[in-house]
């Protein structure tokens, strides 16, 4: 029999608000660390609600391991809603942020029917959309995915480029220097009107341009959909991708993250299979000892943020199935005090070996709109270099 996974031990040090805009809704953050050790968090700010026409990409900075943070800086403020900000700090120090733009007017009727927001608020959104819609269209703004680069630590930003694919936490830098973006295909000519396939896009010029190299997750069977993936690269070059999953026949129970792997740099991928992690969406990170870490929102009671370690073993992905590698028996509860299920999208950086900082969005107090928050914690790292295969 294979040896069982090593237990995961974590110590939570603190939780704190790192950005709050009174009366505004902030959401969907990502964190990255520059070679200088400066931390940068990007998110969608300046919003009225979870869905509205006013979102913009903002960032905050910390130079003291997350203890204090700068006031927010605006990076993108297009005519329409700027959502889901991701960021990667490349080894060269170049920053690449990602986000997608959404034409809120396409959903206003559905939003009105839901009864979620007051009619007068939706009327104001409609008036705004009616005013800016022609100008937005003339500028090519719609449901599209974007990236921008900065070579000076985020002080200035190059013009946006179309990345074709969207992922909440953006691209990752691979060992060979490529940027890999695994995300939902937002090209208008992809032939789908419902769920979008998850494609693999690469950049060989540090985010100046993107090209498709593969399809990670095709559109599944009727009633199911994959969304909001993220990817990590293991030491041997294997790529592991996790994605949010939803099936209309089982919308509440089967929210287990789906997993697929690539052994050829993102060109081909194994058949997707359920992981043993219930939650969404994922952020993935390879740790300093070679293990991996997934952080994800937990949108059932008790609401909060969770993490799970991927045990480093000699890869033996039999039939595209790596079940057993995620130490779900020792899943880490970062927080379980959420006021509602409108929270999550955690992302984590390892500031030094075992020293973690996770950011996410969550209401600071009951009845408030969400803020950007952080949890500082320590993960005990075991040297698992001689750990045997978990699959035989």
Foldseek 3Di string as FASTA:
>chain_A
DADADDFWDKDFDDKDFQDDDFQKFKFLKAWEAFPLRKIKIKTWIPHNDPQAFWTFIWMWIDDPLPPHIDYIDTDGTDLGHWHQKAWYQDNLRKIKIKTWGALSVVCLVVVVVVVPDDPVRSVVRVVSSVVCVVVCVVVVHHGFMWMWMDNPNPPDIDDIDTAQFDANHAWYADPVGKTKGWGFGPDPPPPDDDAGFTFIWIDPPSRPDIDTQATAGHQDDPQKHWHRKEWDAFPLGKIKIWTFMAGNVCGPPPRFIWIWIDPPNRNDIADIDGEPDRFDDWAKDQAPLRKMKIKGWDQDALGAIKMWIQADEDDDCVRRDQHSRTPVVNIGGQDRNAPHSPKISKYWDQSDHQWIKIWMWGCPDPPTHIGIMIITMGMDDDNCVPRYRPPD
